[in-house]
Amino acid sequence: MGLTPKTASVKLANGSNGNIQTAQLMAKVARQYSSHPVVRQLALNILLAHNVKANYFKDEALAIARYVKSKIRYVRDINRIETLYSPLTLIDQIKRGVAQADCDDYATLIATLLLSIGHSPFFKIIKYQAGMGPYAHVYVVVNEKNPNEERKFIALDGIIKDKPIGFEIKHAESKLIAI
């Protein structure tokens, strides 16, 4: 039997401020779980399975994002209720082949795995149209490079199934949230 998810209720602001609060909560969760042995071991296993060379940080980030993308089915949150799975719950669901989550859960797990192996990821929250309501999507970006490459942000968006990791959806506004 899998892990029993813990639940907590947090009052969030409406609109964009609520989105920012959610991303800050995601960052707190990612930092909290990044030192857990199950998280670190999964990250290390992913690197081994993908034959990532030592010090190829971009390749590490891409391998982790591809893994998460391939193991979780995208499903939206409960109508009008923001939910956030703990990384351990998602890892357990992945092991059982039943993982389903939305963009904030994908992003939290990717960030947690990256933190566990020394990366410094950010959450990027975006609006598809300028000035139009709250932020609509979140994903991870990381500023890493392989040897002999220019340093630049790489988008690690797991929910866009028909595009490769690294693809960044067009948007009008964005905000980076440090983790």
N, C-alpha and C. Protein backbone atom coordinates (compact mmCIF):
# COMPACT_ATOMS: atom_id res chain seq x y z
N MET A 1 0.83 -1.18 0.00
CA MET A 1 0.00 0.00 0.00
C MET A 1 0.88 1.24 0.00
N GLY A 2 0.42 2.30 -0.64
CA GLY A 2 1.19 3.53 -0.77
C GLY A 2 1.13 4.39 0.46
N LEU A 3 1.83 5.48 0.39
CA LEU A 3 1.85 6.45 1.48
C LEU A 3 0.50 7.13 1.59
N THR A 4 0.08 7.40 2.81
CA THR A 4 -1.14 8.17 3.02
C THR A 4 -0.77 9.63 2.95
N PRO A 5 -1.36 10.35 2.00
CA PRO A 5 -1.01 11.77 1.86
C PRO A 5 -1.42 12.57 3.10
N LYS A 6 -0.56 13.48 3.50
CA LYS A 6 -0.89 14.42 4.56
C LYS A 6 -1.64 15.58 3.92
N THR A 7 -2.56 16.13 4.66
CA THR A 7 -3.29 17.28 4.13
C THR A 7 -3.12 18.46 5.08
N ALA A 8 -3.15 19.61 4.49
CA ALA A 8 -3.10 20.86 5.25
C ALA A 8 -3.88 21.88 4.45
N SER A 9 -4.44 22.82 5.12
CA SER A 9 -5.20 23.86 4.45
C SER A 9 -4.52 25.20 4.70
N VAL A 10 -4.32 25.93 3.63
CA VAL A 10 -3.69 27.24 3.70
C VAL A 10 -4.58 28.22 2.96
N LYS A 11 -4.83 29.36 3.56
CA LYS A 11 -5.62 30.40 2.90
C LYS A 11 -4.70 31.20 1.99
N LEU A 12 -5.05 31.25 0.71
CA LEU A 12 -4.26 31.98 -0.28
C LEU A 12 -4.99 33.23 -0.72
N ALA A 13 -4.24 34.22 -1.10
CA ALA A 13 -4.82 35.43 -1.67
C ALA A 13 -5.45 35.10 -3.02
N ASN A 14 -6.27 35.98 -3.52
CA ASN A 14 -6.87 35.79 -4.84
C ASN A 14 -5.90 36.29 -5.91
N GLY A 15 -6.08 35.79 -7.13
CA GLY A 15 -5.37 36.28 -8.29
C GLY A 15 -3.87 36.01 -8.27
N SER A 16 -3.12 36.93 -8.86
CA SER A 16 -1.68 36.77 -9.01
C SER A 16 -0.96 36.64 -7.67
N ASN A 17 -1.42 37.35 -6.65
CA ASN A 17 -0.79 37.23 -5.34
C ASN A 17 -0.94 35.82 -4.79
N GLY A 18 -2.07 35.19 -5.03
CA GLY A 18 -2.27 33.79 -4.63
C GLY A 18 -1.35 32.86 -5.40
N ASN A 19 -1.12 33.15 -6.69
CA ASN A 19 -0.19 32.35 -7.49
C ASN A 19 1.23 32.45 -6.93
N ILE A 20 1.62 33.66 -6.56
CA ILE A 20 2.96 33.87 -6.00
C ILE A 20 3.08 33.14 -4.67
N GLN A 21 2.05 33.22 -3.82
CA GLN A 21 2.05 32.50 -2.55
C GLN A 21 2.18 30.99 -2.78
N THR A 22 1.46 30.47 -3.77
CA THR A 22 1.53 29.04 -4.08
C THR A 22 2.94 28.67 -4.49
N ALA A 23 3.58 29.45 -5.37
CA ALA A 23 4.95 29.17 -5.80
C ALA A 23 5.92 29.23 -4.62
N GLN A 24 5.70 30.15 -3.70
CA GLN A 24 6.56 30.24 -2.51
C GLN A 24 6.36 29.02 -1.62
N LEU A 25 5.14 28.53 -1.50
CA LEU A 25 4.87 27.31 -0.74
C LEU A 25 5.53 26.11 -1.44
N MET A 26 5.45 26.06 -2.76
CA MET A 26 6.11 25.00 -3.52
C MET A 26 7.61 25.01 -3.25
N ALA A 27 8.21 26.20 -3.21
CA ALA A 27 9.65 26.31 -2.94
C ALA A 27 9.98 25.78 -1.54
N LYS A 28 9.14 26.10 -0.58
CA LYS A 28 9.35 25.61 0.79
C LYS A 28 9.28 24.09 0.83
N VAL A 29 8.30 23.52 0.16
CA VAL A 29 8.15 22.06 0.11
C VAL A 29 9.36 21.43 -0.58
N ALA A 30 9.79 21.99 -1.70
CA ALA A 30 10.94 21.45 -2.43
C ALA A 30 12.19 21.45 -1.56
N ARG A 31 12.43 22.55 -0.87
CA ARG A 31 13.61 22.63 0.02
C ARG A 31 13.49 21.61 1.15
N GLN A 32 12.30 21.50 1.72
CA GLN A 32 12.08 20.59 2.85
C GLN A 32 12.36 19.15 2.47
N TYR A 33 11.91 18.72 1.30
CA TYR A 33 12.04 17.32 0.90
C TYR A 33 13.34 17.01 0.16
N SER A 34 14.09 18.02 -0.25
CA SER A 34 15.28 17.77 -1.07
C SER A 34 16.36 16.98 -0.34
N SER A 35 16.37 17.00 0.97
CA SER A 35 17.38 16.24 1.72
C SER A 35 16.90 14.85 2.12
N HIS A 36 15.70 14.49 1.73
CA HIS A 36 15.19 13.17 2.09
C HIS A 36 15.93 12.09 1.30
N PRO A 37 16.36 11.00 1.94
CA PRO A 37 17.13 9.97 1.24
C PRO A 37 16.40 9.35 0.03
N VAL A 38 15.09 9.21 0.10
CA VAL A 38 14.33 8.64 -1.02
C VAL A 38 14.42 9.56 -2.24
N VAL A 39 14.35 10.86 -2.01
CA VAL A 39 14.43 11.84 -3.09
C VAL A 39 15.81 11.80 -3.73
N ARG A 40 16.85 11.90 -2.90
CA ARG A 40 18.22 11.90 -3.44
C ARG A 40 18.51 10.61 -4.18
N GLN A 41 18.08 9.47 -3.64
CA GLN A 41 18.36 8.20 -4.30
C GLN A 41 17.67 8.13 -5.66
N LEU A 42 16.43 8.61 -5.75
CA LEU A 42 15.75 8.62 -7.04
C LEU A 42 16.52 9.49 -8.03
N ALA A 43 16.95 10.67 -7.61
CA ALA A 43 17.72 11.55 -8.50
C ALA A 43 18.99 10.86 -8.98
N LEU A 44 19.69 10.22 -8.08
CA LEU A 44 20.92 9.52 -8.47
C LEU A 44 20.63 8.35 -9.41
N ASN A 45 19.54 7.63 -9.15
CA ASN A 45 19.15 6.52 -10.02
C ASN A 45 18.81 7.01 -11.43
N ILE A 46 18.15 8.16 -11.51
CA ILE A 46 17.81 8.73 -12.82
C ILE A 46 19.09 9.05 -13.59
N LEU A 47 20.06 9.67 -12.93
CA LEU A 47 21.32 10.00 -13.59
C LEU A 47 22.04 8.75 -14.08
N LEU A 48 22.05 7.70 -13.27
CA LEU A 48 22.68 6.44 -13.68
C LEU A 48 21.94 5.81 -14.86
N ALA A 49 20.62 5.78 -14.78
CA ALA A 49 19.82 5.16 -15.85
C ALA A 49 19.97 5.88 -17.18
N HIS A 50 20.23 7.19 -17.12
CA HIS A 50 20.39 7.98 -18.34
C HIS A 50 21.86 8.20 -18.72
N ASN A 51 22.76 7.52 -18.02
CA ASN A 51 24.20 7.60 -18.31
C ASN A 51 24.72 9.04 -18.38
N VAL A 52 24.28 9.87 -17.45
CA VAL A 52 24.71 11.27 -17.43
C VAL A 52 26.12 11.33 -16.88
N LYS A 53 27.01 11.98 -17.64
CA LYS A 53 28.40 12.14 -17.21
C LYS A 53 28.49 13.11 -16.03
N ALA A 54 29.48 12.90 -15.18
CA ALA A 54 29.74 13.81 -14.06
C ALA A 54 30.02 15.21 -14.58
N ASN A 55 29.51 16.21 -13.89
CA ASN A 55 29.70 17.63 -14.21
C ASN A 55 28.96 18.09 -15.46
N TYR A 56 28.06 17.29 -15.98
CA TYR A 56 27.21 17.70 -17.10
C TYR A 56 25.85 18.10 -16.52
N PHE A 57 25.83 19.30 -15.95
CA PHE A 57 24.69 19.74 -15.16
C PHE A 57 23.43 19.92 -15.99
N LYS A 58 23.58 20.44 -17.19
CA LYS A 58 22.42 20.57 -18.08
C LYS A 58 21.82 19.20 -18.36
N ASP A 59 22.67 18.22 -18.64
CA ASP A 59 22.18 16.87 -18.91
C ASP A 59 21.50 16.26 -17.69
N GLU A 60 22.00 16.59 -16.49
CA GLU A 60 21.34 16.13 -15.26
C GLU A 60 19.92 16.68 -15.19
N ALA A 61 19.80 17.99 -15.41
CA ALA A 61 18.48 18.63 -15.34
C ALA A 61 17.54 18.07 -16.39
N LEU A 62 18.04 17.89 -17.60
CA LEU A 62 17.19 17.34 -18.67
C LEU A 62 16.75 15.91 -18.36
N ALA A 63 17.66 15.09 -17.84
CA ALA A 63 17.32 13.71 -17.51
C ALA A 63 16.23 13.65 -16.44
N ILE A 64 16.36 14.47 -15.41
CA ILE A 64 15.36 14.48 -14.34
C ILE A 64 14.01 14.95 -14.87
N ALA A 65 13.99 16.01 -15.65
CA ALA A 65 12.72 16.51 -16.19
C ALA A 65 12.08 15.50 -17.13
N ARG A 66 12.88 14.84 -17.96
CA ARG A 66 12.33 13.82 -18.87
C ARG A 66 11.72 12.67 -18.09
N TYR A 67 12.40 12.27 -17.03
CA TYR A 67 11.90 11.18 -16.19
C TYR A 67 10.54 11.54 -15.61
N VAL A 68 10.45 12.70 -14.98
CA VAL A 68 9.19 13.12 -14.36
C VAL A 68 8.10 13.24 -15.42
N LYS A 69 8.44 13.83 -16.56
CA LYS A 69 7.47 13.98 -17.65
C LYS A 69 6.93 12.62 -18.09
N SER A 70 7.78 11.62 -18.15
CA SER A 70 7.37 10.30 -18.65
C SER A 70 6.60 9.47 -17.63
N LYS A 71 6.66 9.85 -16.37
CA LYS A 71 6.08 9.02 -15.30
C LYS A 71 4.77 9.53 -14.72
N ILE A 72 4.39 10.77 -15.05
CA ILE A 72 3.19 11.35 -14.44
C ILE A 72 2.20 11.74 -15.53
N ARG A 73 0.95 11.39 -15.33
CA ARG A 73 -0.13 11.81 -16.23
C ARG A 73 -0.63 13.16 -15.75
N TYR A 74 -0.77 14.11 -16.67
CA TYR A 74 -1.27 15.43 -16.30
C TYR A 74 -2.77 15.35 -16.03
N VAL A 75 -3.18 15.94 -14.93
CA VAL A 75 -4.60 16.10 -14.59
C VAL A 75 -4.73 17.39 -13.79
N ARG A 76 -5.78 18.13 -14.06
CA ARG A 76 -5.97 19.41 -13.36
C ARG A 76 -6.37 19.18 -11.91
N ASP A 77 -6.21 20.24 -11.12
CA ASP A 77 -6.65 20.22 -9.72
C ASP A 77 -8.17 20.11 -9.63
N ILE A 78 -8.63 19.84 -8.44
CA ILE A 78 -10.06 19.88 -8.13
C ILE A 78 -10.56 21.28 -8.47
N ASN A 79 -11.74 21.39 -9.03
CA ASN A 79 -12.29 22.69 -9.43
C ASN A 79 -12.28 23.66 -8.26
N ARG A 80 -11.58 24.78 -8.44
CA ARG A 80 -11.49 25.88 -7.47
C ARG A 80 -10.76 25.54 -6.17
N ILE A 81 -10.01 24.44 -6.18
CA ILE A 81 -9.22 24.08 -5.00
C ILE A 81 -7.78 23.81 -5.45
N GLU A 82 -6.86 24.63 -4.97
CA GLU A 82 -5.44 24.43 -5.28
C GLU A 82 -4.92 23.29 -4.41
N THR A 83 -4.32 22.27 -5.03
CA THR A 83 -3.74 21.16 -4.28
C THR A 83 -2.27 21.05 -4.64
N LEU A 84 -1.50 20.52 -3.71
CA LEU A 84 -0.07 20.33 -3.93
C LEU A 84 0.34 19.02 -3.27
N TYR A 85 0.82 18.08 -4.08
CA TYR A 85 1.30 16.79 -3.57
C TYR A 85 2.70 16.94 -3.01
N SER A 86 3.00 16.19 -1.96
CA SER A 86 4.38 16.16 -1.48
C SER A 86 5.19 15.35 -2.49
N PRO A 87 6.47 15.66 -2.63
CA PRO A 87 7.31 14.87 -3.52
C PRO A 87 7.32 13.38 -3.16
N LEU A 88 7.29 13.04 -1.88
CA LEU A 88 7.30 11.63 -1.49
C LEU A 88 6.04 10.91 -1.94
N THR A 89 4.91 11.59 -1.88
CA THR A 89 3.66 10.99 -2.36
C THR A 89 3.75 10.72 -3.86
N LEU A 90 4.24 11.70 -4.61
CA LEU A 90 4.38 11.50 -6.06
C LEU A 90 5.38 10.40 -6.39
N ILE A 91 6.48 10.33 -5.68
CA ILE A 91 7.46 9.27 -5.91
C ILE A 91 6.83 7.91 -5.65
N ASP A 92 6.07 7.79 -4.57
CA ASP A 92 5.38 6.54 -4.27
C ASP A 92 4.39 6.20 -5.40
N GLN A 93 3.64 7.19 -5.87
CA GLN A 93 2.69 6.95 -6.96
C GLN A 93 3.40 6.55 -8.25
N ILE A 94 4.56 7.14 -8.53
CA ILE A 94 5.34 6.76 -9.70
C ILE A 94 5.75 5.30 -9.59
N LYS A 95 6.24 4.91 -8.43
CA LYS A 95 6.67 3.51 -8.23
C LYS A 95 5.51 2.54 -8.44
N ARG A 96 4.29 2.97 -8.09
CA ARG A 96 3.11 2.12 -8.26
C ARG A 96 2.46 2.28 -9.62
N GLY A 97 2.98 3.21 -10.45
CA GLY A 97 2.45 3.41 -11.80
C GLY A 97 1.12 4.11 -11.85
N VAL A 98 0.82 4.93 -10.84
CA VAL A 98 -0.48 5.61 -10.79
C VAL A 98 -0.37 7.12 -10.61
N ALA A 99 0.77 7.70 -10.92
CA ALA A 99 1.00 9.12 -10.67
C ALA A 99 0.22 10.01 -11.64
N GLN A 100 -0.54 10.93 -11.06
CA GLN A 100 -1.29 11.92 -11.82
C GLN A 100 -1.21 13.23 -11.04
N ALA A 101 -0.94 14.32 -11.76
CA ALA A 101 -0.74 15.59 -11.07
C ALA A 101 -0.85 16.75 -12.05
N ASP A 102 -0.88 17.97 -11.49
CA ASP A 102 -0.93 19.15 -12.34
C ASP A 102 0.44 19.82 -12.39
N CYS A 103 0.50 20.99 -13.04
CA CYS A 103 1.79 21.63 -13.31
C CYS A 103 2.56 21.96 -12.04
N ASP A 104 1.88 22.37 -10.98
CA ASP A 104 2.63 22.73 -9.78
C ASP A 104 3.24 21.50 -9.12
N ASP A 105 2.58 20.36 -9.24
CA ASP A 105 3.14 19.12 -8.69
C ASP A 105 4.34 18.65 -9.51
N TYR A 106 4.23 18.70 -10.84
CA TYR A 106 5.36 18.37 -11.70
C TYR A 106 6.55 19.25 -11.31
N ALA A 107 6.30 20.56 -11.25
CA ALA A 107 7.38 21.51 -10.99
C ALA A 107 8.00 21.29 -9.62
N THR A 108 7.18 21.02 -8.62
CA THR A 108 7.71 20.79 -7.27
C THR A 108 8.60 19.55 -7.24
N LEU A 109 8.17 18.47 -7.89
CA LEU A 109 8.98 17.26 -7.89
C LEU A 109 10.29 17.48 -8.66
N ILE A 110 10.22 18.09 -9.82
CA ILE A 110 11.45 18.36 -10.58
C ILE A 110 12.40 19.22 -9.77
N ALA A 111 11.91 20.27 -9.16
CA ALA A 111 12.75 21.16 -8.35
C ALA A 111 13.36 20.41 -7.17
N THR A 112 12.58 19.58 -6.51
CA THR A 112 13.07 18.83 -5.35
C THR A 112 14.20 17.89 -5.75
N LEU A 113 14.01 17.17 -6.85
CA LEU A 113 15.05 16.26 -7.33
C LEU A 113 16.32 17.03 -7.70
N LEU A 114 16.15 18.16 -8.37
CA LEU A 114 17.31 18.98 -8.74
C LEU A 114 18.05 19.51 -7.52
N LEU A 115 17.31 20.01 -6.55
CA LEU A 115 17.94 20.50 -5.32
C LEU A 115 18.74 19.40 -4.63
N SER A 116 18.23 18.17 -4.68
CA SER A 116 18.89 17.06 -3.98
C SER A 116 20.25 16.71 -4.56
N ILE A 117 20.53 17.17 -5.79
CA ILE A 117 21.84 16.91 -6.40
C ILE A 117 22.59 18.21 -6.68
N GLY A 118 22.25 19.26 -5.95
CA GLY A 118 23.04 20.48 -5.95
C GLY A 118 22.69 21.56 -6.95
N HIS A 119 21.60 21.42 -7.67
CA HIS A 119 21.19 22.47 -8.62
C HIS A 119 20.49 23.61 -7.87
N SER A 120 20.35 24.73 -8.55
CA SER A 120 19.67 25.91 -8.01
C SER A 120 18.54 26.32 -8.95
N PRO A 121 17.45 25.57 -8.95
CA PRO A 121 16.34 25.86 -9.87
C PRO A 121 15.49 27.03 -9.40
N PHE A 122 14.65 27.52 -10.30
CA PHE A 122 13.66 28.55 -10.03
C PHE A 122 12.31 28.03 -10.53
N PHE A 123 11.24 28.54 -9.93
CA PHE A 123 9.92 28.35 -10.52
C PHE A 123 9.65 29.55 -11.41
N LYS A 124 9.08 29.31 -12.56
CA LYS A 124 8.68 30.39 -13.46
C LYS A 124 7.16 30.32 -13.59
N ILE A 125 6.50 31.38 -13.15
CA ILE A 125 5.05 31.45 -13.30
C ILE A 125 4.76 32.38 -14.47
N ILE A 126 3.78 32.00 -15.28
CA ILE A 126 3.53 32.76 -16.51
C ILE A 126 2.07 33.10 -16.70
N LYS A 127 1.86 34.19 -17.44
CA LYS A 127 0.56 34.58 -17.96
C LYS A 127 0.65 34.48 -19.47
N TYR A 128 -0.36 33.89 -20.07
CA TYR A 128 -0.35 33.75 -21.53
C TYR A 128 -0.63 35.08 -22.23
N GLN A 129 -1.43 35.96 -21.57
CA GLN A 129 -1.75 37.27 -22.14
C GLN A 129 -1.42 38.34 -21.10
N ALA A 130 -0.82 39.42 -21.54
CA ALA A 130 -0.43 40.50 -20.64
C ALA A 130 -1.63 41.10 -19.93
N GLY A 131 -1.48 41.29 -18.63
CA GLY A 131 -2.51 41.96 -17.86
C GLY A 131 -3.80 41.18 -17.69
N MET A 132 -3.82 39.93 -18.08
CA MET A 132 -5.05 39.15 -18.03
C MET A 132 -5.07 38.22 -16.83
N GLY A 133 -5.71 38.62 -15.76
CA GLY A 133 -5.93 37.76 -14.61
C GLY A 133 -4.68 37.21 -13.96
N PRO A 134 -4.85 36.10 -13.24
CA PRO A 134 -3.72 35.52 -12.51
C PRO A 134 -2.78 34.76 -13.45
N TYR A 135 -1.66 34.35 -12.88
CA TYR A 135 -0.74 33.49 -13.62
C TYR A 135 -1.44 32.17 -13.90
N ALA A 136 -1.15 31.58 -15.05
CA ALA A 136 -1.90 30.40 -15.49
C ALA A 136 -1.09 29.11 -15.47
N HIS A 137 0.23 29.20 -15.33
CA HIS A 137 1.07 28.00 -15.45
C HIS A 137 2.36 28.21 -14.68
N VAL A 138 2.96 27.10 -14.23
CA VAL A 138 4.24 27.15 -13.53
C VAL A 138 5.09 25.98 -14.00
N TYR A 139 6.39 26.23 -14.10
CA TYR A 139 7.35 25.18 -14.42
C TYR A 139 8.70 25.59 -13.86
N VAL A 140 9.65 24.69 -13.99
CA VAL A 140 11.00 24.92 -13.46
C VAL A 140 11.90 25.44 -14.57
N VAL A 141 12.76 26.37 -14.22
CA VAL A 141 13.87 26.76 -15.08
C VAL A 141 15.14 26.63 -14.26
N VAL A 142 16.21 26.29 -14.94
CA VAL A 142 17.49 26.14 -14.27
C VAL A 142 18.55 26.80 -15.15
N ASN A 143 19.49 27.46 -14.52
CA ASN A 143 20.55 28.17 -15.23
C ASN A 143 21.83 27.34 -15.10
N GLU A 144 21.95 26.34 -15.94
CA GLU A 144 23.10 25.44 -15.88
C GLU A 144 23.71 25.31 -17.27
N LYS A 145 24.89 24.74 -17.32
CA LYS A 145 25.53 24.52 -18.62
C LYS A 145 26.40 23.28 -18.55
N ASN A 146 26.62 22.70 -19.70
CA ASN A 146 27.60 21.63 -19.85
C ASN A 146 28.94 22.28 -20.18
N PRO A 147 30.04 21.54 -20.06
CA PRO A 147 31.33 22.11 -20.45
C PRO A 147 31.27 22.68 -21.87
N ASN A 148 31.92 23.81 -22.08
CA ASN A 148 32.03 24.47 -23.38
C ASN A 148 30.70 24.99 -23.92
N GLU A 149 29.72 25.22 -23.07
CA GLU A 149 28.44 25.79 -23.50
C GLU A 149 28.20 27.11 -22.79
N GLU A 150 27.41 27.96 -23.41
CA GLU A 150 27.01 29.22 -22.80
C GLU A 150 25.97 28.93 -21.71
N ARG A 151 26.06 29.65 -20.61
CA ARG A 151 25.10 29.49 -19.53
C ARG A 151 23.81 30.21 -19.91
N LYS A 152 22.67 29.50 -19.79
CA LYS A 152 21.37 30.11 -20.06
C LYS A 152 20.29 29.29 -19.36
N PHE A 153 19.14 29.91 -19.17
CA PHE A 153 18.03 29.21 -18.55
C PHE A 153 17.49 28.13 -19.48
N ILE A 154 17.16 27.00 -18.89
CA ILE A 154 16.55 25.88 -19.60
C ILE A 154 15.18 25.66 -18.97
N ALA A 155 14.14 25.63 -19.79
CA ALA A 155 12.78 25.36 -19.31
C ALA A 155 12.60 23.86 -19.12
N LEU A 156 12.11 23.48 -17.95
CA LEU A 156 11.86 22.08 -17.62
C LEU A 156 10.37 21.92 -17.34
N ASP A 157 9.59 21.95 -18.40
CA ASP A 157 8.12 21.91 -18.30
C ASP A 157 7.65 20.50 -18.65
N GLY A 158 7.16 19.79 -17.66
CA GLY A 158 6.79 18.39 -17.85
C GLY A 158 5.42 18.14 -18.43
N ILE A 159 4.55 19.14 -18.49
CA ILE A 159 3.18 18.84 -18.92
C ILE A 159 2.95 18.94 -20.41
N ILE A 160 3.87 19.51 -21.15
CA ILE A 160 3.68 19.67 -22.60
C ILE A 160 4.19 18.39 -23.26
N LYS A 161 3.30 17.43 -23.44
CA LYS A 161 3.69 16.08 -23.86
C LYS A 161 4.17 16.00 -25.30
N ASP A 162 3.73 16.90 -26.17
CA ASP A 162 4.11 16.80 -27.58
C ASP A 162 5.34 17.63 -27.93
N LYS A 163 6.00 18.20 -26.93
CA LYS A 163 7.22 18.99 -27.15
C LYS A 163 8.32 18.45 -26.24
N PRO A 164 9.58 18.59 -26.66
CA PRO A 164 10.67 18.09 -25.81
C PRO A 164 10.92 18.99 -24.60
N ILE A 165 11.52 18.39 -23.58
CA ILE A 165 11.97 19.19 -22.44
C ILE A 165 12.94 20.24 -23.00
N GLY A 166 12.81 21.45 -22.54
CA GLY A 166 13.58 22.57 -23.05
C GLY A 166 12.69 23.53 -23.83
N PHE A 167 11.56 23.00 -24.33
CA PHE A 167 10.60 23.85 -25.03
C PHE A 167 9.91 24.76 -24.02
N GLU A 168 9.77 26.03 -24.39
CA GLU A 168 9.10 26.98 -23.51
C GLU A 168 7.90 27.56 -24.24
N ILE A 169 6.75 27.41 -23.65
CA ILE A 169 5.51 27.89 -24.25
C ILE A 169 5.52 29.42 -24.32
N LYS A 170 4.95 29.97 -25.37
CA LYS A 170 4.88 31.43 -25.51
C LYS A 170 4.01 32.01 -24.41
N HIS A 171 4.49 33.13 -23.86
CA HIS A 171 3.75 33.80 -22.80
C HIS A 171 4.04 35.29 -22.86
N ALA A 172 3.15 36.05 -22.26
CA ALA A 172 3.27 37.52 -22.29
C ALA A 172 3.96 38.08 -21.05
N GLU A 173 3.77 37.42 -19.91
CA GLU A 173 4.36 37.89 -18.67
C GLU A 173 4.88 36.68 -17.89
N SER A 174 5.92 36.93 -17.11
CA SER A 174 6.45 35.86 -16.27
C SER A 174 7.11 36.44 -15.02
N LYS A 175 7.28 35.59 -14.05
CA LYS A 175 7.96 35.97 -12.82
C LYS A 175 8.75 34.74 -12.34
N LEU A 176 10.01 34.98 -11.96
CA LEU A 176 10.83 33.90 -11.39
C LEU A 176 10.70 33.92 -9.87
N ILE A 177 10.54 32.73 -9.31
CA ILE A 177 10.47 32.55 -7.87
C ILE A 177 11.66 31.73 -7.45
N ALA A 178 12.53 32.29 -6.62
CA ALA A 178 13.71 31.56 -6.15
C ALA A 178 13.28 30.41 -5.25
N ILE A 179 14.04 29.36 -5.32
CA ILE A 179 13.73 28.17 -4.49
C ILE A 179 14.82 28.03 -3.43
